[in-house]
N, C-alpha and C. Protein backbone atom coordinates (compact mmCIF):
# COMPACT_ATOMS: atom_id res chain seq x y z
N MET A 1 86.39 24.59 -10.57
CA MET A 1 85.89 25.97 -10.69
C MET A 1 84.39 25.96 -11.00
N PHE A 2 83.66 26.83 -10.34
CA PHE A 2 82.22 26.90 -10.56
C PHE A 2 81.92 27.74 -11.80
N ASN A 3 81.00 27.28 -12.63
CA ASN A 3 80.62 28.01 -13.84
C ASN A 3 79.72 29.18 -13.47
N THR A 4 80.25 30.39 -13.58
CA THR A 4 79.50 31.58 -13.18
C THR A 4 78.79 32.25 -14.35
N GLU A 5 78.77 31.61 -15.51
CA GLU A 5 78.12 32.20 -16.68
C GLU A 5 76.61 32.00 -16.69
N ASN A 6 76.17 30.82 -16.36
CA ASN A 6 74.74 30.52 -16.35
C ASN A 6 74.34 30.01 -14.97
N PHE A 7 73.75 30.89 -14.18
CA PHE A 7 73.34 30.47 -12.84
C PHE A 7 72.14 31.30 -12.39
N THR A 8 71.49 30.80 -11.35
CA THR A 8 70.33 31.49 -10.79
C THR A 8 70.60 31.84 -9.34
N ILE A 9 70.52 33.12 -9.00
CA ILE A 9 70.70 33.55 -7.61
C ILE A 9 69.39 33.32 -6.86
N LEU A 10 69.50 32.76 -5.67
CA LEU A 10 68.31 32.53 -4.86
C LEU A 10 67.60 33.85 -4.57
N THR A 11 66.28 33.80 -4.60
CA THR A 11 65.47 35.01 -4.44
C THR A 11 64.89 35.14 -3.04
N LYS A 12 64.25 36.27 -2.78
CA LYS A 12 63.59 36.49 -1.50
C LYS A 12 62.57 35.40 -1.19
N LYS A 13 61.93 34.89 -2.21
CA LYS A 13 60.92 33.85 -2.03
C LYS A 13 61.53 32.62 -1.36
N PHE A 14 62.73 32.26 -1.74
CA PHE A 14 63.41 31.10 -1.14
C PHE A 14 63.65 31.33 0.35
N TYR A 15 64.14 32.52 0.69
CA TYR A 15 64.51 32.81 2.08
C TYR A 15 63.32 33.12 2.99
N SER A 16 62.20 33.49 2.41
CA SER A 16 61.05 33.92 3.21
C SER A 16 60.24 32.75 3.78
N ARG A 17 60.68 31.54 3.55
CA ARG A 17 59.99 30.36 4.06
C ARG A 17 60.40 30.05 5.50
N PRO A 18 59.75 29.06 6.15
CA PRO A 18 60.13 28.67 7.51
C PRO A 18 61.60 28.26 7.60
N VAL A 19 62.22 28.53 8.73
CA VAL A 19 63.66 28.36 8.88
C VAL A 19 64.12 26.92 8.66
N LEU A 20 63.35 25.93 9.09
CA LEU A 20 63.79 24.54 8.91
C LEU A 20 63.79 24.13 7.44
N SER A 21 62.83 24.63 6.69
CA SER A 21 62.78 24.34 5.26
C SER A 21 63.97 24.97 4.53
N VAL A 22 64.26 26.21 4.87
CA VAL A 22 65.39 26.91 4.25
C VAL A 22 66.70 26.21 4.61
N ALA A 23 66.83 25.83 5.88
CA ALA A 23 68.07 25.19 6.33
C ALA A 23 68.37 23.92 5.53
N ARG A 24 67.38 23.06 5.41
CA ARG A 24 67.57 21.81 4.64
C ARG A 24 67.92 22.11 3.19
N ASP A 25 67.22 23.06 2.61
CA ASP A 25 67.39 23.35 1.18
C ASP A 25 68.67 24.11 0.86
N LEU A 26 69.33 24.68 1.87
CA LEU A 26 70.59 25.37 1.62
C LEU A 26 71.73 24.39 1.34
N LEU A 27 71.58 23.16 1.77
CA LEU A 27 72.62 22.16 1.53
C LEU A 27 72.82 21.97 0.03
N GLY A 28 74.06 22.04 -0.40
CA GLY A 28 74.38 21.87 -1.81
C GLY A 28 74.39 23.16 -2.62
N LYS A 29 73.85 24.24 -2.04
CA LYS A 29 73.85 25.53 -2.73
C LYS A 29 75.26 26.16 -2.66
N ILE A 30 75.53 27.12 -3.55
CA ILE A 30 76.86 27.73 -3.65
C ILE A 30 76.87 29.14 -3.07
N LEU A 31 77.65 29.34 -2.01
CA LEU A 31 77.84 30.67 -1.42
C LEU A 31 78.92 31.41 -2.21
N VAL A 32 78.63 32.66 -2.56
CA VAL A 32 79.56 33.45 -3.39
C VAL A 32 79.86 34.78 -2.70
N LYS A 33 81.15 35.15 -2.71
CA LYS A 33 81.55 36.50 -2.28
C LYS A 33 82.44 37.08 -3.38
N VAL A 34 82.08 38.28 -3.83
CA VAL A 34 82.84 38.97 -4.86
C VAL A 34 83.67 40.06 -4.19
N GLU A 35 84.99 39.99 -4.36
CA GLU A 35 85.90 40.99 -3.79
C GLU A 35 86.68 41.64 -4.92
N SER A 36 86.23 42.74 -5.43
CA SER A 36 86.86 43.43 -6.57
C SER A 36 87.26 42.44 -7.65
N ASP A 37 88.54 42.05 -7.72
CA ASP A 37 88.98 41.12 -8.76
C ASP A 37 89.04 39.68 -8.27
N LYS A 38 88.54 39.42 -7.07
CA LYS A 38 88.58 38.07 -6.50
C LYS A 38 87.18 37.47 -6.42
N LEU A 39 87.09 36.16 -6.65
CA LEU A 39 85.83 35.44 -6.54
C LEU A 39 86.02 34.27 -5.60
N LEU A 40 85.29 34.26 -4.51
CA LEU A 40 85.34 33.16 -3.54
C LEU A 40 84.01 32.42 -3.57
N THR A 41 84.06 31.13 -3.77
CA THR A 41 82.83 30.34 -3.78
C THR A 41 83.02 29.05 -3.01
N GLY A 42 81.92 28.52 -2.51
CA GLY A 42 81.97 27.26 -1.79
C GLY A 42 80.59 26.64 -1.68
N ARG A 43 80.56 25.34 -1.64
CA ARG A 43 79.31 24.58 -1.56
C ARG A 43 78.94 24.36 -0.10
N ILE A 44 77.73 24.74 0.27
CA ILE A 44 77.27 24.62 1.66
C ILE A 44 76.98 23.15 1.98
N VAL A 45 77.65 22.63 3.01
CA VAL A 45 77.50 21.21 3.34
C VAL A 45 77.00 20.95 4.77
N GLU A 46 76.90 22.02 5.56
CA GLU A 46 76.42 21.84 6.94
C GLU A 46 75.83 23.15 7.46
N VAL A 47 74.66 23.07 8.09
CA VAL A 47 73.98 24.26 8.61
C VAL A 47 73.28 23.93 9.92
N GLU A 48 72.88 24.97 10.64
CA GLU A 48 72.03 24.82 11.83
C GLU A 48 70.94 25.87 11.80
N ALA A 49 69.74 25.49 12.17
CA ALA A 49 68.61 26.42 12.21
C ALA A 49 68.43 27.00 13.60
N TYR A 50 68.00 28.27 13.67
CA TYR A 50 67.74 28.95 14.95
C TYR A 50 66.44 29.75 14.84
N ASP A 51 65.55 29.55 15.82
CA ASP A 51 64.24 30.19 15.81
C ASP A 51 63.95 30.77 17.19
N GLY A 52 64.08 32.10 17.31
CA GLY A 52 63.91 32.75 18.60
C GLY A 52 62.53 32.66 19.20
N ASN A 53 61.54 32.21 18.45
CA ASN A 53 60.19 32.10 19.00
C ASN A 53 60.07 30.96 20.01
N THR A 54 60.88 29.92 19.84
CA THR A 54 60.80 28.75 20.72
C THR A 54 62.17 28.24 21.16
N ASP A 55 63.21 28.74 20.58
CA ASP A 55 64.56 28.20 20.71
C ASP A 55 65.42 29.10 21.60
N GLN A 56 65.75 28.62 22.79
CA GLN A 56 66.52 29.43 23.74
C GLN A 56 67.95 29.68 23.29
N ALA A 57 68.45 28.90 22.34
CA ALA A 57 69.82 29.07 21.86
C ALA A 57 69.92 30.17 20.80
N ALA A 58 68.78 30.63 20.29
CA ALA A 58 68.79 31.65 19.24
C ALA A 58 69.09 33.03 19.83
N HIS A 59 69.84 33.83 19.09
CA HIS A 59 70.14 35.19 19.54
C HIS A 59 68.88 36.02 19.72
N SER A 60 67.84 35.67 18.99
CA SER A 60 66.60 36.45 19.00
C SER A 60 65.62 36.03 20.10
N PHE A 61 65.97 35.05 20.91
CA PHE A 61 65.03 34.50 21.90
C PHE A 61 64.57 35.57 22.90
N ASN A 62 65.46 36.44 23.31
CA ASN A 62 65.11 37.46 24.31
C ASN A 62 64.71 38.79 23.70
N GLY A 63 64.43 38.80 22.40
CA GLY A 63 63.97 40.01 21.75
C GLY A 63 65.03 40.73 20.94
N ARG A 64 64.61 41.80 20.32
CA ARG A 64 65.46 42.57 19.41
C ARG A 64 66.47 43.43 20.20
N THR A 65 67.71 43.42 19.74
CA THR A 65 68.76 44.25 20.31
C THR A 65 69.55 44.88 19.15
N GLU A 66 70.45 45.77 19.47
CA GLU A 66 71.29 46.37 18.43
C GLU A 66 72.13 45.29 17.75
N ARG A 67 72.56 44.30 18.51
CA ARG A 67 73.41 43.24 17.97
C ARG A 67 72.66 42.34 16.99
N ASN A 68 71.41 41.98 17.33
CA ASN A 68 70.69 40.98 16.52
C ASN A 68 69.64 41.58 15.60
N GLU A 69 69.63 42.89 15.44
CA GLU A 69 68.57 43.56 14.66
C GLU A 69 68.38 42.96 13.27
N VAL A 70 69.47 42.60 12.62
CA VAL A 70 69.37 42.05 11.26
C VAL A 70 68.58 40.75 11.25
N MET A 71 68.65 40.00 12.31
CA MET A 71 67.96 38.71 12.40
C MET A 71 66.44 38.88 12.37
N PHE A 72 65.94 40.07 12.68
CA PHE A 72 64.50 40.33 12.70
C PHE A 72 63.98 40.91 11.38
N ARG A 73 64.87 41.04 10.40
CA ARG A 73 64.43 41.51 9.10
C ARG A 73 63.77 40.35 8.34
N GLU A 74 63.22 40.66 7.18
CA GLU A 74 62.63 39.60 6.36
C GLU A 74 63.74 38.72 5.81
N GLY A 75 63.38 37.53 5.38
CA GLY A 75 64.35 36.59 4.86
C GLY A 75 65.13 37.14 3.68
N GLY A 76 66.44 36.76 3.63
CA GLY A 76 67.25 37.20 2.50
C GLY A 76 68.35 38.16 2.87
N TYR A 77 68.64 38.29 4.17
CA TYR A 77 69.74 39.14 4.62
C TYR A 77 70.85 38.29 5.24
N PHE A 78 72.06 38.82 5.21
CA PHE A 78 73.23 38.17 5.78
C PHE A 78 73.40 38.71 7.20
N TYR A 79 73.49 37.82 8.19
CA TYR A 79 73.64 38.23 9.58
C TYR A 79 74.97 37.67 10.09
N VAL A 80 75.89 38.58 10.44
CA VAL A 80 77.20 38.17 10.92
C VAL A 80 77.38 38.69 12.34
N TYR A 81 77.79 37.81 13.25
CA TYR A 81 78.04 38.22 14.63
C TYR A 81 79.43 37.78 15.07
N PHE A 82 79.93 38.44 16.12
CA PHE A 82 81.25 38.16 16.67
C PHE A 82 81.06 37.43 17.99
N THR A 83 81.77 36.33 18.18
CA THR A 83 81.52 35.52 19.38
C THR A 83 82.83 35.15 20.09
N TYR A 84 82.75 35.04 21.39
CA TYR A 84 83.88 34.67 22.24
C TYR A 84 85.08 35.60 22.07
N GLY A 85 84.86 36.77 21.50
CA GLY A 85 85.95 37.71 21.29
C GLY A 85 86.99 37.24 20.30
N VAL A 86 86.63 36.23 19.50
CA VAL A 86 87.61 35.62 18.59
C VAL A 86 87.05 35.42 17.18
N HIS A 87 85.86 34.82 17.07
CA HIS A 87 85.36 34.37 15.77
C HIS A 87 84.14 35.15 15.29
N HIS A 88 84.05 35.32 13.98
CA HIS A 88 82.82 35.77 13.34
C HIS A 88 82.06 34.53 12.86
N CYS A 89 80.74 34.61 12.85
CA CYS A 89 79.89 33.53 12.34
C CYS A 89 78.86 34.14 11.40
N CYS A 90 78.60 33.47 10.27
CA CYS A 90 77.67 34.04 9.29
C CYS A 90 76.38 33.22 9.21
N ASN A 91 75.29 33.94 9.05
CA ASN A 91 73.96 33.35 9.05
C ASN A 91 73.11 33.90 7.92
N ILE A 92 72.10 33.13 7.55
CA ILE A 92 71.14 33.53 6.54
C ILE A 92 69.80 33.78 7.22
N VAL A 93 69.31 35.01 7.16
CA VAL A 93 68.03 35.35 7.79
C VAL A 93 66.88 34.75 6.96
N THR A 94 65.89 34.20 7.66
CA THR A 94 64.77 33.53 6.99
C THR A 94 63.43 34.05 7.49
N GLY A 95 62.37 33.57 6.84
CA GLY A 95 61.02 33.87 7.30
C GLY A 95 60.56 35.29 7.02
N LYS A 96 59.50 35.68 7.71
CA LYS A 96 58.92 37.00 7.54
C LYS A 96 59.55 38.00 8.50
N GLU A 97 59.34 39.26 8.25
CA GLU A 97 59.88 40.30 9.11
C GLU A 97 59.40 40.12 10.55
N ASN A 98 60.30 40.35 11.49
CA ASN A 98 60.06 40.26 12.94
C ASN A 98 60.00 38.83 13.46
N HIS A 99 60.24 37.82 12.62
CA HIS A 99 60.21 36.43 13.09
C HIS A 99 61.45 36.06 13.89
N GLY A 100 62.58 36.66 13.58
CA GLY A 100 63.80 36.36 14.34
C GLY A 100 64.34 34.96 14.10
N THR A 101 64.39 34.54 12.84
CA THR A 101 64.91 33.21 12.52
C THR A 101 66.06 33.30 11.54
N ALA A 102 67.01 32.38 11.67
CA ALA A 102 68.18 32.40 10.79
C ALA A 102 68.85 31.04 10.74
N VAL A 103 69.68 30.85 9.72
CA VAL A 103 70.42 29.60 9.54
C VAL A 103 71.91 29.88 9.62
N LEU A 104 72.58 29.24 10.55
CA LEU A 104 74.03 29.36 10.68
C LEU A 104 74.72 28.47 9.65
N ILE A 105 75.67 29.02 8.90
CA ILE A 105 76.45 28.23 7.96
C ILE A 105 77.62 27.62 8.74
N ARG A 106 77.62 26.30 8.90
CA ARG A 106 78.63 25.64 9.73
C ARG A 106 79.82 25.11 8.93
N ALA A 107 79.60 24.68 7.70
CA ALA A 107 80.72 24.13 6.93
C ALA A 107 80.48 24.31 5.44
N ILE A 108 81.58 24.54 4.73
CA ILE A 108 81.54 24.78 3.29
C ILE A 108 82.66 23.97 2.62
N GLU A 109 82.36 23.42 1.45
CA GLU A 109 83.37 22.78 0.62
C GLU A 109 83.87 23.83 -0.37
N PRO A 110 85.12 24.31 -0.22
CA PRO A 110 85.60 25.40 -1.07
C PRO A 110 85.72 25.02 -2.53
N ILE A 111 85.43 25.99 -3.42
CA ILE A 111 85.51 25.75 -4.86
C ILE A 111 86.47 26.74 -5.50
N ASP A 112 86.08 28.02 -5.57
CA ASP A 112 86.93 29.06 -6.16
C ASP A 112 87.61 29.88 -5.07
N GLY A 113 88.85 30.28 -5.36
CA GLY A 113 89.57 31.12 -4.41
C GLY A 113 90.21 30.35 -3.27
N ILE A 114 90.47 29.06 -3.48
CA ILE A 114 91.02 28.23 -2.40
C ILE A 114 92.36 28.76 -1.92
N GLU A 115 93.22 29.21 -2.83
CA GLU A 115 94.53 29.72 -2.44
C GLU A 115 94.40 30.93 -1.51
N ILE A 116 93.40 31.78 -1.81
CA ILE A 116 93.16 32.95 -0.96
C ILE A 116 92.68 32.50 0.42
N MET A 117 91.75 31.55 0.43
CA MET A 117 91.23 31.05 1.70
C MET A 117 92.33 30.42 2.54
N VAL A 118 93.19 29.63 1.90
CA VAL A 118 94.29 28.97 2.60
C VAL A 118 95.24 30.00 3.22
N LYS A 119 95.57 31.04 2.46
CA LYS A 119 96.47 32.07 2.95
C LYS A 119 95.87 32.79 4.16
N ARG A 120 94.57 33.06 4.10
CA ARG A 120 93.91 33.75 5.22
C ARG A 120 93.81 32.86 6.45
N ARG A 121 93.65 31.58 6.24
CA ARG A 121 93.48 30.65 7.37
C ARG A 121 94.80 30.21 7.97
N PHE A 122 95.80 29.93 7.12
CA PHE A 122 97.04 29.33 7.61
C PHE A 122 98.29 30.15 7.32
N ALA A 123 98.15 31.26 6.60
CA ALA A 123 99.30 32.12 6.26
C ALA A 123 100.39 31.35 5.52
N LYS A 124 99.98 30.42 4.66
CA LYS A 124 100.94 29.71 3.81
C LYS A 124 100.22 29.19 2.58
N LYS A 125 100.97 28.70 1.60
CA LYS A 125 100.39 28.29 0.32
C LYS A 125 100.11 26.80 0.24
N LYS A 126 101.02 25.98 0.74
CA LYS A 126 100.87 24.54 0.62
C LYS A 126 100.33 23.94 1.91
N LEU A 127 99.38 23.02 1.75
CA LEU A 127 98.75 22.39 2.90
C LEU A 127 98.83 20.87 2.80
N SER A 128 98.81 20.23 3.93
CA SER A 128 98.66 18.78 3.96
C SER A 128 97.21 18.47 3.67
N GLU A 129 96.90 17.22 3.37
CA GLU A 129 95.51 16.84 3.07
C GLU A 129 94.61 17.14 4.26
N LYS A 130 95.09 16.87 5.46
CA LYS A 130 94.30 17.12 6.67
C LYS A 130 94.00 18.61 6.82
N GLU A 131 95.01 19.44 6.56
CA GLU A 131 94.82 20.89 6.67
C GLU A 131 93.83 21.39 5.63
N LEU A 132 93.86 20.81 4.43
CA LEU A 132 92.97 21.24 3.36
C LEU A 132 91.51 21.06 3.76
N PHE A 133 91.21 19.96 4.44
CA PHE A 133 89.84 19.71 4.88
C PHE A 133 89.44 20.60 6.06
N ASN A 134 90.41 21.30 6.63
CA ASN A 134 90.13 22.18 7.77
C ASN A 134 90.01 23.65 7.38
N VAL A 135 90.03 23.95 6.09
CA VAL A 135 90.00 25.34 5.65
C VAL A 135 88.68 26.01 5.99
N THR A 136 87.56 25.33 5.74
CA THR A 136 86.23 25.95 5.96
C THR A 136 85.26 24.98 6.66
N ASN A 137 85.78 24.13 7.53
CA ASN A 137 84.91 23.16 8.20
C ASN A 137 84.52 23.62 9.61
N GLY A 138 84.00 24.83 9.66
CA GLY A 138 83.53 25.39 10.92
C GLY A 138 83.10 26.82 10.68
N PRO A 139 82.15 27.33 11.45
CA PRO A 139 81.62 28.69 11.21
C PRO A 139 82.66 29.80 11.31
N GLY A 140 83.54 29.72 12.29
CA GLY A 140 84.59 30.73 12.41
C GLY A 140 85.60 30.64 11.28
N LYS A 141 85.89 29.41 10.87
CA LYS A 141 86.85 29.18 9.78
C LYS A 141 86.32 29.74 8.46
N ILE A 142 85.03 29.57 8.23
CA ILE A 142 84.41 30.11 7.01
C ILE A 142 84.59 31.62 6.95
N CYS A 143 84.27 32.28 8.04
CA CYS A 143 84.35 33.75 8.05
C CYS A 143 85.77 34.25 7.88
N LYS A 144 86.74 33.53 8.45
CA LYS A 144 88.13 33.94 8.28
C LYS A 144 88.58 33.72 6.83
N ALA A 145 88.19 32.58 6.24
CA ALA A 145 88.58 32.26 4.86
C ALA A 145 87.94 33.20 3.85
N PHE A 146 86.66 33.53 4.06
CA PHE A 146 85.94 34.42 3.14
C PHE A 146 86.08 35.89 3.55
N ARG A 147 86.67 36.11 4.73
CA ARG A 147 86.81 37.45 5.31
C ARG A 147 85.44 38.11 5.49
N PHE A 148 84.53 37.39 6.11
CA PHE A 148 83.25 37.95 6.50
C PHE A 148 83.40 38.57 7.88
N THR A 149 82.92 39.80 8.05
CA THR A 149 82.97 40.47 9.35
C THR A 149 81.62 41.13 9.63
N ARG A 150 81.55 41.81 10.76
CA ARG A 150 80.32 42.52 11.12
C ARG A 150 79.95 43.57 10.08
N LYS A 151 80.94 44.04 9.32
CA LYS A 151 80.65 45.02 8.27
C LYS A 151 79.76 44.43 7.18
N ASP A 152 79.78 43.10 7.04
CA ASP A 152 78.95 42.43 6.03
C ASP A 152 77.54 42.15 6.53
N SER A 153 77.33 42.29 7.84
CA SER A 153 76.01 42.02 8.39
C SER A 153 75.00 43.03 7.86
N GLY A 154 73.86 42.54 7.40
CA GLY A 154 72.85 43.40 6.81
C GLY A 154 72.89 43.43 5.30
N THR A 155 73.87 42.74 4.71
CA THR A 155 73.96 42.67 3.25
C THR A 155 72.78 41.89 2.68
N GLU A 156 72.14 42.43 1.66
CA GLU A 156 71.06 41.71 1.00
C GLU A 156 71.65 40.64 0.10
N LEU A 157 71.14 39.42 0.22
CA LEU A 157 71.67 38.29 -0.52
C LEU A 157 71.17 38.22 -1.96
N THR A 158 70.42 39.22 -2.38
CA THR A 158 69.98 39.29 -3.78
C THR A 158 70.82 40.29 -4.58
N GLY A 159 71.88 40.80 -3.94
CA GLY A 159 72.75 41.77 -4.60
C GLY A 159 73.90 41.11 -5.34
N LYS A 160 75.00 41.86 -5.53
CA LYS A 160 76.12 41.37 -6.33
C LYS A 160 77.40 41.18 -5.53
N LYS A 161 77.32 41.37 -4.20
CA LYS A 161 78.52 41.25 -3.37
C LYS A 161 78.58 39.88 -2.69
N ILE A 162 77.52 39.54 -2.02
CA ILE A 162 77.40 38.24 -1.36
C ILE A 162 76.06 37.65 -1.76
N PHE A 163 76.06 36.45 -2.29
CA PHE A 163 74.80 35.83 -2.70
C PHE A 163 74.95 34.32 -2.75
N ILE A 164 73.84 33.64 -2.92
CA ILE A 164 73.85 32.17 -2.97
C ILE A 164 73.22 31.71 -4.28
N ILE A 165 73.91 30.79 -4.95
CA ILE A 165 73.47 30.29 -6.24
C ILE A 165 72.70 28.99 -6.08
N ASP A 166 71.60 28.90 -6.79
CA ASP A 166 70.76 27.70 -6.72
C ASP A 166 71.48 26.50 -7.32
N GLN A 167 71.21 25.35 -6.73
CA GLN A 167 71.71 24.06 -7.21
C GLN A 167 70.64 23.01 -6.92
N PRO A 168 70.71 21.84 -7.55
CA PRO A 168 69.71 20.80 -7.28
C PRO A 168 69.63 20.46 -5.80
N LYS A 169 68.43 20.20 -5.33
CA LYS A 169 68.22 19.88 -3.92
C LYS A 169 68.93 18.58 -3.57
N LEU A 170 69.58 18.58 -2.41
CA LEU A 170 70.29 17.40 -1.96
C LEU A 170 69.30 16.27 -1.68
N LYS A 171 69.63 15.08 -2.13
CA LYS A 171 68.74 13.93 -1.93
C LYS A 171 68.55 13.64 -0.45
N LYS A 172 67.37 13.19 -0.10
CA LYS A 172 67.06 12.90 1.30
C LYS A 172 68.00 11.85 1.86
N SER A 173 68.39 10.89 1.02
CA SER A 173 69.29 9.82 1.46
C SER A 173 70.69 10.33 1.80
N LYS A 174 71.02 11.54 1.32
CA LYS A 174 72.34 12.13 1.58
C LYS A 174 72.30 13.22 2.65
N THR A 175 71.11 13.47 3.20
CA THR A 175 70.93 14.53 4.20
C THR A 175 70.90 13.96 5.61
N GLY A 176 71.84 14.37 6.43
CA GLY A 176 71.88 13.94 7.82
C GLY A 176 71.23 14.98 8.73
N VAL A 177 70.70 14.51 9.86
CA VAL A 177 70.03 15.38 10.82
C VAL A 177 70.53 15.03 12.22
N SER A 178 70.84 16.05 13.03
CA SER A 178 71.31 15.78 14.39
C SER A 178 71.03 16.98 15.29
N GLU A 179 71.39 16.83 16.55
CA GLU A 179 71.33 17.96 17.48
C GLU A 179 72.42 18.96 17.07
N ARG A 180 72.24 20.20 17.44
CA ARG A 180 73.22 21.23 17.11
C ARG A 180 74.47 21.10 17.98
N ILE A 181 75.54 21.74 17.56
CA ILE A 181 76.85 21.58 18.19
C ILE A 181 77.20 22.77 19.08
N GLY A 182 77.75 22.46 20.26
CA GLY A 182 78.32 23.50 21.11
C GLY A 182 77.35 24.44 21.79
N ILE A 183 76.12 24.00 22.01
CA ILE A 183 75.15 24.85 22.71
C ILE A 183 74.72 24.18 24.00
N THR A 184 74.20 24.97 24.94
CA THR A 184 73.75 24.43 26.22
C THR A 184 72.24 24.54 26.40
N LYS A 185 71.59 25.36 25.59
CA LYS A 185 70.15 25.55 25.69
C LYS A 185 69.44 24.94 24.48
N SER A 186 68.23 24.44 24.69
CA SER A 186 67.44 23.80 23.62
C SER A 186 68.27 22.75 22.88
N LYS A 187 69.05 22.00 23.64
CA LYS A 187 69.94 20.99 23.06
C LYS A 187 69.20 19.84 22.39
N GLU A 188 67.94 19.65 22.79
CA GLU A 188 67.19 18.50 22.26
C GLU A 188 66.72 18.68 20.83
N LEU A 189 66.76 19.91 20.33
CA LEU A 189 66.27 20.18 18.98
C LEU A 189 67.24 19.64 17.92
N LYS A 190 66.75 18.81 17.05
CA LYS A 190 67.60 18.25 15.99
C LYS A 190 67.50 19.15 14.75
N TRP A 191 68.20 20.26 14.85
CA TRP A 191 68.13 21.30 13.83
C TRP A 191 69.45 21.50 13.11
N ARG A 192 70.33 20.53 13.17
CA ARG A 192 71.56 20.57 12.38
C ARG A 192 71.36 19.66 11.17
N PHE A 193 71.66 20.18 9.98
CA PHE A 193 71.49 19.43 8.74
C PHE A 193 72.84 19.41 8.01
N PHE A 194 73.19 18.26 7.45
CA PHE A 194 74.50 18.14 6.82
C PHE A 194 74.49 17.08 5.72
N GLU A 195 75.47 17.21 4.83
CA GLU A 195 75.62 16.23 3.75
C GLU A 195 76.40 15.03 4.27
N ILE A 196 75.76 13.89 4.33
CA ILE A 196 76.38 12.68 4.87
C ILE A 196 77.64 12.32 4.08
N GLY A 197 78.72 12.10 4.82
CA GLY A 197 79.97 11.65 4.20
C GLY A 197 80.85 12.73 3.63
N ASN A 198 80.42 13.99 3.66
CA ASN A 198 81.27 15.05 3.09
C ASN A 198 82.49 15.27 4.00
N PRO A 199 83.69 15.28 3.44
CA PRO A 199 84.90 15.42 4.27
C PRO A 199 85.11 16.80 4.88
N TYR A 200 84.31 17.80 4.47
CA TYR A 200 84.47 19.15 4.97
C TYR A 200 83.54 19.46 6.15
N LEU A 201 82.84 18.48 6.66
CA LEU A 201 81.94 18.73 7.80
C LEU A 201 82.74 19.15 9.03
N SER A 202 82.10 19.99 9.86
CA SER A 202 82.76 20.43 11.09
C SER A 202 82.91 19.29 12.07
N ARG A 203 82.02 18.32 11.98
CA ARG A 203 82.10 17.13 12.83
C ARG A 203 81.86 15.92 11.93
N LYS A 204 82.89 15.11 11.74
CA LYS A 204 82.81 13.98 10.81
C LYS A 204 81.90 12.89 11.34
């Protein structure tokens, strides 16, 4: 269980930096969602950066639309989109206003509310070890477990509903870097960052 008595919520200053810096530094931080009497938390272990100024895979590459409007706000907003008619994916908006940059949360190591996450993901209480590692090891899985939807898009991450708690920066020796997963454009960019050896990664 995460100690919620003494903690520091990440501020606008953290999110207003360049997207690659924010992406690396999000590793090891704690994502929190407060649902009335429920508390869901998890440690961020894998992310991908997207920058519409140069990155063809970014939603913002072709400009502002009704769908991606949140991505063009200043850093510190939650951007949730629906993809393939099946999954929601959650992102952290970064940089200055109109930059169109964000970090996709790809994998989380669950801490609080695991039973709730398991029920939402698998509709049962007991899991095998393999299933346990599959609860939040992918962007769509995270949103289903935390119940993030388009209704959460635009939420300020400095509020009391959805926020990220500061933690010590992950050591460079534990930080992996690779090409992003499942994209066809700008594939050469090594903008995926992950905690080496963590069993909750979307790709081991």
